[in-house]
Amino acid sequence: MKIVHAKVEQLPQILNIYAYAREQMKKSGNPNQWKDNRPSIDAIKEDIRQKRCFLLVEKDVICGVFAFMIEPDIYYRAIYHGNWLNDGPYGVIHRVASSGQRKGVLNDILDYCETQIDNIRIDTHEDNRIMQHLLEKRAYVKCGIIFVDDQTPRLAYQKVIDKKHN
């Protein structure tokens, strides 16, 4: 398995993965996180342009897609019903999706991102019980609630990696 930057010519495959992920979310009791128009094609194109859209590739097959950036996220400025673990520089993971062809995609994404910076933030919808479970299993701490661009709430998580014990 390798992680590579997405290219614009891979957009059709990326859109198919997001469509598959939306269907899986609906089937698992999470019909509202992305609905039928999220993530938007404009957001995905911008992620590709900014080199923050990544693909998990195994044997030349795209198994997953995610956005990752090491920069402040405007939606993380305000957190409600809690606090971030710290105010240091952090990486942000967004728009995680699997093609369904391989198990453990989120773990691979987290493994990769945790090697890039020792402070990670990520959010998910309150109905996305699968993501919540997997994040908590990986020692991500639920810090509070943030609101994304369409003003819907998301559960905000953070993990600070202790490099001394790795």
N, C-alpha and C. Protein backbone atom coordinates (compact mmCIF):
# COMPACT_ATOMS: atom_id res chain seq x y z
N MET A 1 0.85 -1.18 0.00
CA MET A 1 0.00 0.00 0.00
C MET A 1 0.89 1.24 0.00
N LYS A 2 0.53 2.20 -0.82
CA LYS A 2 1.27 3.46 -0.83
C LYS A 2 0.28 4.62 -0.83
N ILE A 3 0.74 5.75 -0.37
CA ILE A 3 -0.07 6.97 -0.35
C ILE A 3 0.58 7.97 -1.29
N VAL A 4 -0.25 8.49 -2.22
CA VAL A 4 0.26 9.40 -3.24
C VAL A 4 -0.68 10.60 -3.37
N HIS A 5 -0.15 11.67 -3.93
CA HIS A 5 -0.99 12.83 -4.24
C HIS A 5 -1.94 12.47 -5.38
N ALA A 6 -3.18 12.93 -5.27
CA ALA A 6 -4.16 12.72 -6.33
C ALA A 6 -3.87 13.65 -7.49
N LYS A 7 -4.24 13.19 -8.68
CA LYS A 7 -4.10 13.99 -9.89
C LYS A 7 -5.49 14.26 -10.45
N VAL A 8 -5.64 15.37 -11.16
CA VAL A 8 -6.95 15.77 -11.66
C VAL A 8 -7.55 14.70 -12.59
N GLU A 9 -6.70 13.99 -13.32
CA GLU A 9 -7.23 12.95 -14.21
C GLU A 9 -7.81 11.76 -13.44
N GLN A 10 -7.56 11.68 -12.14
CA GLN A 10 -8.12 10.63 -11.30
C GLN A 10 -9.46 11.03 -10.68
N LEU A 11 -9.93 12.23 -11.01
CA LEU A 11 -11.17 12.74 -10.44
C LEU A 11 -12.36 11.79 -10.62
N PRO A 12 -12.58 11.19 -11.79
CA PRO A 12 -13.72 10.27 -11.91
C PRO A 12 -13.65 9.10 -10.91
N GLN A 13 -12.47 8.54 -10.72
CA GLN A 13 -12.32 7.45 -9.75
C GLN A 13 -12.58 7.96 -8.32
N ILE A 14 -12.09 9.14 -8.03
CA ILE A 14 -12.29 9.74 -6.70
C ILE A 14 -13.78 9.96 -6.45
N LEU A 15 -14.47 10.50 -7.45
CA LEU A 15 -15.91 10.74 -7.30
C LEU A 15 -16.66 9.43 -7.10
N ASN A 16 -16.24 8.37 -7.76
CA ASN A 16 -16.87 7.06 -7.56
C ASN A 16 -16.67 6.56 -6.13
N ILE A 17 -15.49 6.78 -5.59
CA ILE A 17 -15.22 6.36 -4.21
C ILE A 17 -16.11 7.14 -3.25
N TYR A 18 -16.24 8.44 -3.45
CA TYR A 18 -17.11 9.23 -2.57
C TYR A 18 -18.57 8.80 -2.72
N ALA A 19 -19.01 8.47 -3.91
CA ALA A 19 -20.38 7.99 -4.12
C ALA A 19 -20.60 6.68 -3.36
N TYR A 20 -19.63 5.79 -3.44
CA TYR A 20 -19.71 4.52 -2.72
C TYR A 20 -19.77 4.79 -1.21
N ALA A 21 -18.90 5.68 -0.74
CA ALA A 21 -18.86 6.00 0.69
C ALA A 21 -20.18 6.58 1.17
N ARG A 22 -20.80 7.45 0.37
CA ARG A 22 -22.10 8.02 0.75
C ARG A 22 -23.14 6.92 0.92
N GLU A 23 -23.14 5.96 0.01
CA GLU A 23 -24.10 4.85 0.10
C GLU A 23 -23.84 4.01 1.35
N GLN A 24 -22.58 3.76 1.65
CA GLN A 24 -22.24 2.98 2.85
C GLN A 24 -22.63 3.74 4.12
N MET A 25 -22.45 5.05 4.11
CA MET A 25 -22.86 5.86 5.26
C MET A 25 -24.36 5.74 5.49
N LYS A 26 -25.13 5.84 4.41
CA LYS A 26 -26.58 5.72 4.53
C LYS A 26 -26.97 4.37 5.11
N LYS A 27 -26.35 3.31 4.61
CA LYS A 27 -26.65 1.96 5.06
C LYS A 27 -26.29 1.74 6.53
N SER A 28 -25.30 2.48 7.02
CA SER A 28 -24.86 2.29 8.41
C SER A 28 -25.49 3.28 9.39
N GLY A 29 -26.54 3.99 8.94
CA GLY A 29 -27.25 4.90 9.84
C GLY A 29 -26.73 6.32 9.86
N ASN A 30 -25.95 6.69 8.85
CA ASN A 30 -25.39 8.03 8.77
C ASN A 30 -25.75 8.67 7.43
N PRO A 31 -27.03 8.97 7.21
CA PRO A 31 -27.45 9.51 5.91
C PRO A 31 -27.22 11.01 5.74
N ASN A 32 -26.87 11.71 6.81
CA ASN A 32 -26.84 13.17 6.76
C ASN A 32 -25.46 13.81 6.67
N GLN A 33 -24.40 13.06 6.90
CA GLN A 33 -23.07 13.67 6.95
C GLN A 33 -22.70 14.31 5.61
N TRP A 34 -22.85 13.56 4.53
CA TRP A 34 -22.45 14.09 3.23
C TRP A 34 -23.61 14.29 2.28
N LYS A 35 -24.74 13.72 2.55
CA LYS A 35 -25.88 13.79 1.64
C LYS A 35 -25.42 13.44 0.23
N ASP A 36 -26.04 13.98 -0.80
CA ASP A 36 -25.68 13.57 -2.15
C ASP A 36 -24.73 14.52 -2.86
N ASN A 37 -24.36 15.60 -2.21
CA ASN A 37 -23.52 16.58 -2.90
C ASN A 37 -22.19 16.83 -2.20
N ARG A 38 -21.85 15.99 -1.23
CA ARG A 38 -20.64 16.22 -0.47
C ARG A 38 -19.75 15.01 -0.50
N PRO A 39 -18.47 15.18 -0.45
CA PRO A 39 -17.82 16.48 -0.59
C PRO A 39 -18.05 17.06 -1.99
N SER A 40 -18.05 18.35 -2.07
CA SER A 40 -18.34 19.00 -3.36
C SER A 40 -17.19 18.77 -4.33
N ILE A 41 -17.53 18.74 -5.60
CA ILE A 41 -16.50 18.57 -6.62
C ILE A 41 -15.51 19.73 -6.57
N ASP A 42 -15.99 20.92 -6.23
CA ASP A 42 -15.09 22.08 -6.12
C ASP A 42 -14.08 21.88 -4.99
N ALA A 43 -14.54 21.34 -3.86
CA ALA A 43 -13.63 21.10 -2.73
C ALA A 43 -12.58 20.05 -3.11
N ILE A 44 -13.01 19.02 -3.80
CA ILE A 44 -12.07 17.98 -4.22
C ILE A 44 -11.05 18.53 -5.21
N LYS A 45 -11.51 19.30 -6.18
CA LYS A 45 -10.60 19.91 -7.16
C LYS A 45 -9.60 20.83 -6.47
N GLU A 46 -10.08 21.60 -5.50
CA GLU A 46 -9.18 22.50 -4.78
C GLU A 46 -8.16 21.69 -3.96
N ASP A 47 -8.61 20.60 -3.35
CA ASP A 47 -7.67 19.73 -2.62
C ASP A 47 -6.60 19.21 -3.56
N ILE A 48 -6.99 18.79 -4.75
CA ILE A 48 -6.01 18.28 -5.72
C ILE A 48 -5.05 19.40 -6.12
N ARG A 49 -5.60 20.57 -6.42
CA ARG A 49 -4.78 21.71 -6.83
C ARG A 49 -3.77 22.11 -5.76
N GLN A 50 -4.22 22.06 -4.51
CA GLN A 50 -3.36 22.45 -3.37
C GLN A 50 -2.45 21.31 -2.90
N LYS A 51 -2.54 20.16 -3.58
CA LYS A 51 -1.73 18.98 -3.22
C LYS A 51 -2.02 18.50 -1.81
N ARG A 52 -3.31 18.55 -1.44
CA ARG A 52 -3.70 18.04 -0.13
C ARG A 52 -4.72 16.90 -0.25
N CYS A 53 -4.95 16.45 -1.49
CA CYS A 53 -5.80 15.27 -1.73
C CYS A 53 -4.87 14.09 -1.94
N PHE A 54 -5.05 13.06 -1.12
CA PHE A 54 -4.19 11.88 -1.16
C PHE A 54 -5.01 10.64 -1.48
N LEU A 55 -4.34 9.68 -2.11
CA LEU A 55 -4.96 8.40 -2.45
C LEU A 55 -4.17 7.28 -1.79
N LEU A 56 -4.90 6.27 -1.32
CA LEU A 56 -4.28 5.03 -0.89
C LEU A 56 -4.35 4.09 -2.08
N VAL A 57 -3.20 3.62 -2.52
CA VAL A 57 -3.14 2.79 -3.71
C VAL A 57 -2.48 1.46 -3.35
N GLU A 58 -3.14 0.38 -3.77
CA GLU A 58 -2.57 -0.95 -3.58
C GLU A 58 -2.66 -1.71 -4.89
N LYS A 59 -1.54 -2.15 -5.39
CA LYS A 59 -1.49 -2.87 -6.66
C LYS A 59 -2.19 -2.08 -7.77
N ASP A 60 -1.89 -0.79 -7.85
CA ASP A 60 -2.44 0.11 -8.87
C ASP A 60 -3.95 0.34 -8.77
N VAL A 61 -4.56 -0.02 -7.65
CA VAL A 61 -5.99 0.19 -7.42
C VAL A 61 -6.14 1.22 -6.30
N ILE A 62 -6.96 2.24 -6.55
CA ILE A 62 -7.22 3.26 -5.52
C ILE A 62 -8.20 2.67 -4.51
N CYS A 63 -7.76 2.55 -3.26
CA CYS A 63 -8.57 1.96 -2.19
C CYS A 63 -9.20 3.00 -1.28
N GLY A 64 -8.67 4.21 -1.30
CA GLY A 64 -9.19 5.25 -0.42
C GLY A 64 -8.71 6.62 -0.84
N VAL A 65 -9.39 7.61 -0.30
CA VAL A 65 -9.06 9.00 -0.60
C VAL A 65 -9.26 9.82 0.68
N PHE A 66 -8.44 10.85 0.85
CA PHE A 66 -8.60 11.75 1.98
C PHE A 66 -7.87 13.06 1.70
N ALA A 67 -8.25 14.07 2.45
CA ALA A 67 -7.56 15.36 2.39
C ALA A 67 -6.75 15.49 3.68
N PHE A 68 -5.54 16.02 3.53
CA PHE A 68 -4.68 16.23 4.70
C PHE A 68 -3.87 17.49 4.48
N MET A 69 -3.87 18.34 5.48
CA MET A 69 -3.09 19.57 5.40
C MET A 69 -2.53 19.91 6.79
N ILE A 70 -1.39 20.53 6.79
CA ILE A 70 -0.78 21.00 8.03
C ILE A 70 -0.88 22.51 8.02
N GLU A 71 -2.02 22.97 8.49
CA GLU A 71 -2.32 24.40 8.53
C GLU A 71 -3.58 24.60 9.36
N PRO A 72 -3.78 25.77 9.89
CA PRO A 72 -5.01 26.02 10.67
C PRO A 72 -6.26 25.84 9.81
N ASP A 73 -7.28 25.28 10.39
CA ASP A 73 -8.56 25.08 9.71
C ASP A 73 -9.54 26.12 10.24
N ILE A 74 -10.16 26.87 9.34
CA ILE A 74 -11.05 27.95 9.79
C ILE A 74 -12.22 27.43 10.62
N TYR A 75 -12.65 26.20 10.34
CA TYR A 75 -13.79 25.66 11.09
C TYR A 75 -13.39 25.17 12.48
N TYR A 76 -12.10 25.11 12.74
CA TYR A 76 -11.62 24.66 14.06
C TYR A 76 -11.27 25.83 14.97
N ARG A 77 -11.47 27.05 14.50
CA ARG A 77 -11.18 28.22 15.34
C ARG A 77 -12.05 28.24 16.58
N ALA A 78 -13.32 27.94 16.40
CA ALA A 78 -14.27 27.95 17.53
C ALA A 78 -14.69 26.52 17.82
N ILE A 79 -14.56 26.13 19.07
CA ILE A 79 -15.00 24.81 19.51
C ILE A 79 -15.97 25.02 20.67
N TYR A 80 -17.04 24.27 20.67
CA TYR A 80 -18.10 24.42 21.67
C TYR A 80 -18.21 23.16 22.51
N HIS A 81 -18.65 23.34 23.75
CA HIS A 81 -18.85 22.22 24.68
C HIS A 81 -17.56 21.44 24.90
N GLY A 82 -16.44 22.16 24.94
CA GLY A 82 -15.15 21.51 25.17
C GLY A 82 -14.02 22.42 24.73
N ASN A 83 -12.84 21.83 24.65
CA ASN A 83 -11.63 22.56 24.27
C ASN A 83 -10.69 21.63 23.50
N TRP A 84 -9.87 22.23 22.66
CA TRP A 84 -8.81 21.46 22.02
C TRP A 84 -7.78 21.07 23.08
N LEU A 85 -7.03 20.03 22.84
CA LEU A 85 -6.01 19.57 23.79
C LEU A 85 -4.86 20.55 23.91
N ASN A 86 -4.59 21.29 22.82
CA ASN A 86 -3.53 22.29 22.83
C ASN A 86 -3.77 23.27 21.68
N ASP A 87 -2.97 24.30 21.64
CA ASP A 87 -3.09 25.31 20.59
C ASP A 87 -1.93 25.28 19.61
N GLY A 88 -1.13 24.20 19.65
CA GLY A 88 0.03 24.10 18.78
C GLY A 88 -0.33 23.82 17.34
N PRO A 89 0.66 23.90 16.46
CA PRO A 89 0.43 23.57 15.05
C PRO A 89 -0.15 22.15 14.93
N TYR A 90 -1.03 21.96 13.95
CA TYR A 90 -1.69 20.66 13.83
C TYR A 90 -1.95 20.31 12.36
N GLY A 91 -2.10 19.03 12.13
CA GLY A 91 -2.54 18.53 10.84
C GLY A 91 -4.03 18.27 10.91
N VAL A 92 -4.69 18.39 9.77
CA VAL A 92 -6.14 18.19 9.70
C VAL A 92 -6.43 17.12 8.65
N ILE A 93 -7.28 16.18 9.03
CA ILE A 93 -7.72 15.14 8.10
C ILE A 93 -9.20 15.40 7.79
N HIS A 94 -9.52 15.44 6.51
CA HIS A 94 -10.90 15.64 6.06
C HIS A 94 -11.23 14.66 4.94
N ARG A 95 -12.52 14.52 4.67
CA ARG A 95 -13.03 13.83 3.48
C ARG A 95 -12.47 12.42 3.29
N VAL A 96 -12.46 11.65 4.36
CA VAL A 96 -11.97 10.27 4.33
C VAL A 96 -13.02 9.37 3.68
N ALA A 97 -12.60 8.58 2.71
CA ALA A 97 -13.52 7.64 2.06
C ALA A 97 -12.75 6.42 1.59
N SER A 98 -13.43 5.28 1.63
CA SER A 98 -12.87 4.01 1.18
C SER A 98 -13.65 3.51 -0.02
N SER A 99 -12.97 2.80 -0.88
CA SER A 99 -13.63 2.18 -2.04
C SER A 99 -14.35 0.89 -1.64
N GLY A 100 -14.08 0.41 -0.43
CA GLY A 100 -14.68 -0.83 0.03
C GLY A 100 -13.91 -2.07 -0.41
N GLN A 101 -12.83 -1.88 -1.12
CA GLN A 101 -12.05 -3.00 -1.64
C GLN A 101 -11.00 -3.50 -0.65
N ARG A 102 -10.81 -2.78 0.42
CA ARG A 102 -9.75 -3.11 1.36
C ARG A 102 -10.15 -2.68 2.75
N LYS A 103 -9.90 -3.49 3.73
CA LYS A 103 -10.17 -3.13 5.13
C LYS A 103 -9.01 -2.33 5.67
N GLY A 104 -9.27 -1.52 6.71
CA GLY A 104 -8.21 -0.81 7.40
C GLY A 104 -7.76 0.48 6.76
N VAL A 105 -8.58 1.03 5.87
CA VAL A 105 -8.19 2.27 5.18
C VAL A 105 -7.97 3.41 6.17
N LEU A 106 -8.88 3.59 7.11
CA LEU A 106 -8.70 4.69 8.08
C LEU A 106 -7.42 4.50 8.88
N ASN A 107 -7.12 3.29 9.29
CA ASN A 107 -5.88 3.05 10.03
C ASN A 107 -4.66 3.42 9.20
N ASP A 108 -4.68 3.09 7.91
CA ASP A 108 -3.57 3.46 7.04
C ASP A 108 -3.44 4.98 6.93
N ILE A 109 -4.57 5.66 6.82
CA ILE A 109 -4.57 7.12 6.75
C ILE A 109 -4.00 7.72 8.04
N LEU A 110 -4.49 7.23 9.17
CA LEU A 110 -4.00 7.75 10.45
C LEU A 110 -2.52 7.46 10.63
N ASP A 111 -2.09 6.25 10.26
CA ASP A 111 -0.66 5.92 10.35
C ASP A 111 0.17 6.92 9.56
N TYR A 112 -0.25 7.21 8.34
CA TYR A 112 0.48 8.15 7.50
C TYR A 112 0.50 9.55 8.12
N CYS A 113 -0.67 10.06 8.47
CA CYS A 113 -0.76 11.44 8.98
C CYS A 113 0.01 11.60 10.30
N GLU A 114 -0.01 10.58 11.12
CA GLU A 114 0.68 10.66 12.40
C GLU A 114 2.20 10.67 12.24
N THR A 115 2.71 10.30 11.08
CA THR A 115 4.15 10.42 10.83
C THR A 115 4.51 11.81 10.29
N GLN A 116 3.51 12.58 9.90
CA GLN A 116 3.75 13.90 9.30
C GLN A 116 3.83 15.01 10.35
N ILE A 117 3.08 14.86 11.43
CA ILE A 117 3.03 15.86 12.50
C ILE A 117 2.51 15.16 13.75
N ASP A 118 2.92 15.65 14.90
CA ASP A 118 2.54 14.96 16.15
C ASP A 118 1.26 15.51 16.79
N ASN A 119 0.51 16.28 16.06
CA ASN A 119 -0.72 16.87 16.57
C ASN A 119 -1.75 16.83 15.43
N ILE A 120 -2.79 16.01 15.59
CA ILE A 120 -3.76 15.79 14.53
C ILE A 120 -5.17 16.13 15.01
N ARG A 121 -5.93 16.80 14.14
CA ARG A 121 -7.35 17.06 14.40
C ARG A 121 -8.17 16.48 13.26
N ILE A 122 -9.37 16.01 13.62
CA ILE A 122 -10.29 15.42 12.65
C ILE A 122 -11.69 15.56 13.22
N ASP A 123 -12.69 15.60 12.36
CA ASP A 123 -14.06 15.69 12.86
C ASP A 123 -14.96 14.72 12.11
N THR A 124 -16.12 14.44 12.69
CA THR A 124 -17.08 13.56 12.05
C THR A 124 -18.49 13.89 12.53
N HIS A 125 -19.46 13.42 11.80
CA HIS A 125 -20.87 13.63 12.13
C HIS A 125 -21.26 12.78 13.34
N GLU A 126 -22.19 13.27 14.14
CA GLU A 126 -22.61 12.51 15.32
C GLU A 126 -23.22 11.16 14.97
N ASP A 127 -23.75 11.01 13.75
CA ASP A 127 -24.31 9.73 13.32
C ASP A 127 -23.26 8.76 12.80
N ASN A 128 -22.04 9.23 12.60
CA ASN A 128 -20.99 8.37 12.06
C ASN A 128 -20.33 7.59 13.21
N ARG A 129 -21.06 6.63 13.71
CA ARG A 129 -20.61 5.83 14.86
C ARG A 129 -19.37 5.00 14.52
N ILE A 130 -19.28 4.56 13.27
CA ILE A 130 -18.11 3.77 12.87
C ILE A 130 -16.84 4.60 12.99
N MET A 131 -16.85 5.81 12.45
CA MET A 131 -15.68 6.69 12.52
C MET A 131 -15.36 7.02 13.97
N GLN A 132 -16.37 7.33 14.77
CA GLN A 132 -16.13 7.65 16.18
C GLN A 132 -15.44 6.48 16.88
N HIS A 133 -15.94 5.28 16.66
CA HIS A 133 -15.37 4.09 17.29
C HIS A 133 -13.90 3.91 16.88
N LEU A 134 -13.64 4.03 15.58
CA LEU A 134 -12.28 3.83 15.09
C LEU A 134 -11.32 4.90 15.61
N LEU A 135 -11.77 6.15 15.68
CA LEU A 135 -10.92 7.21 16.21
C LEU A 135 -10.62 6.97 17.69
N GLU A 136 -11.63 6.63 18.45
CA GLU A 136 -11.43 6.42 19.88
C GLU A 136 -10.54 5.20 20.13
N LYS A 137 -10.65 4.20 19.28
CA LYS A 137 -9.79 3.01 19.37
C LYS A 137 -8.33 3.39 19.16
N ARG A 138 -8.09 4.43 18.37
CA ARG A 138 -6.74 4.91 18.08
C ARG A 138 -6.28 6.02 19.03
N ALA A 139 -7.01 6.20 20.13
CA ALA A 139 -6.66 7.17 21.19
C ALA A 139 -6.87 8.62 20.78
N TYR A 140 -7.78 8.87 19.82
CA TYR A 140 -8.19 10.24 19.54
C TYR A 140 -9.19 10.64 20.61
N VAL A 141 -9.06 11.86 21.09
CA VAL A 141 -9.88 12.36 22.19
C VAL A 141 -10.98 13.26 21.64
N LYS A 142 -12.21 12.99 22.04
CA LYS A 142 -13.33 13.85 21.66
C LYS A 142 -13.20 15.15 22.44
N CYS A 143 -13.05 16.26 21.72
CA CYS A 143 -12.76 17.55 22.36
C CYS A 143 -13.96 18.49 22.45
N GLY A 144 -14.97 18.31 21.61
CA GLY A 144 -16.11 19.21 21.60
C GLY A 144 -16.80 19.17 20.26
N ILE A 145 -17.46 20.26 19.93
CA ILE A 145 -18.24 20.36 18.69
C ILE A 145 -17.75 21.56 17.89
N ILE A 146 -17.59 21.33 16.59
CA ILE A 146 -17.29 22.43 15.67
C ILE A 146 -18.41 22.47 14.64
N PHE A 147 -18.45 23.56 13.88
CA PHE A 147 -19.44 23.69 12.82
C PHE A 147 -18.71 23.85 11.49
N VAL A 148 -19.13 23.09 10.48
CA VAL A 148 -18.48 23.13 9.17
C VAL A 148 -19.17 24.15 8.26
N ASP A 149 -18.76 24.21 7.01
CA ASP A 149 -19.18 25.27 6.09
C ASP A 149 -20.69 25.38 5.90
N ASP A 150 -21.43 24.27 6.02
CA ASP A 150 -22.89 24.36 5.87
C ASP A 150 -23.58 24.56 7.23
N GLN A 151 -22.78 24.90 8.24
CA GLN A 151 -23.25 25.20 9.59
C GLN A 151 -23.82 23.99 10.34
N THR A 152 -23.47 22.78 9.89
CA THR A 152 -23.89 21.60 10.63
C THR A 152 -22.80 21.24 11.64
N PRO A 153 -23.21 20.70 12.79
CA PRO A 153 -22.23 20.37 13.83
C PRO A 153 -21.47 19.09 13.52
N ARG A 154 -20.24 19.03 14.02
CA ARG A 154 -19.40 17.84 13.91
C ARG A 154 -18.70 17.62 15.25
N LEU A 155 -18.52 16.36 15.58
CA LEU A 155 -17.74 16.00 16.75
C LEU A 155 -16.27 16.17 16.39
N ALA A 156 -15.56 16.92 17.22
CA ALA A 156 -14.16 17.24 16.94
C ALA A 156 -13.25 16.38 17.81
N TYR A 157 -12.26 15.78 17.17
CA TYR A 157 -11.29 14.91 17.84
C TYR A 157 -9.88 15.45 17.64
N GLN A 158 -9.03 15.08 18.59
CA GLN A 158 -7.62 15.46 18.48
C GLN A 158 -6.77 14.36 19.10
N LYS A 159 -5.57 14.21 18.55
CA LYS A 159 -4.59 13.30 19.13
C LYS A 159 -3.24 13.99 19.12
N VAL A 160 -2.56 13.91 20.26
CA VAL A 160 -1.20 14.41 20.37
C VAL A 160 -0.31 13.18 20.50
N ILE A 161 0.59 13.01 19.56
CA ILE A 161 1.45 11.84 19.53
C ILE A 161 2.69 12.12 20.36
N ASP A 162 2.93 11.26 21.31
CA ASP A 162 4.11 11.37 22.17
C ASP A 162 5.28 10.68 21.47
N LYS A 163 6.15 11.45 20.85
CA LYS A 163 7.26 10.90 20.07
C LYS A 163 8.28 10.19 20.95
N LYS A 164 8.31 10.48 22.24
CA LYS A 164 9.29 9.85 23.14
C LYS A 164 9.02 8.35 23.30
N HIS A 165 7.76 7.96 23.14
CA HIS A 165 7.40 6.56 23.38
C HIS A 165 7.10 5.79 22.10
N ASN A 166 7.43 6.36 20.97
CA ASN A 166 7.18 5.65 19.69
C ASN A 166 8.43 4.97 19.22
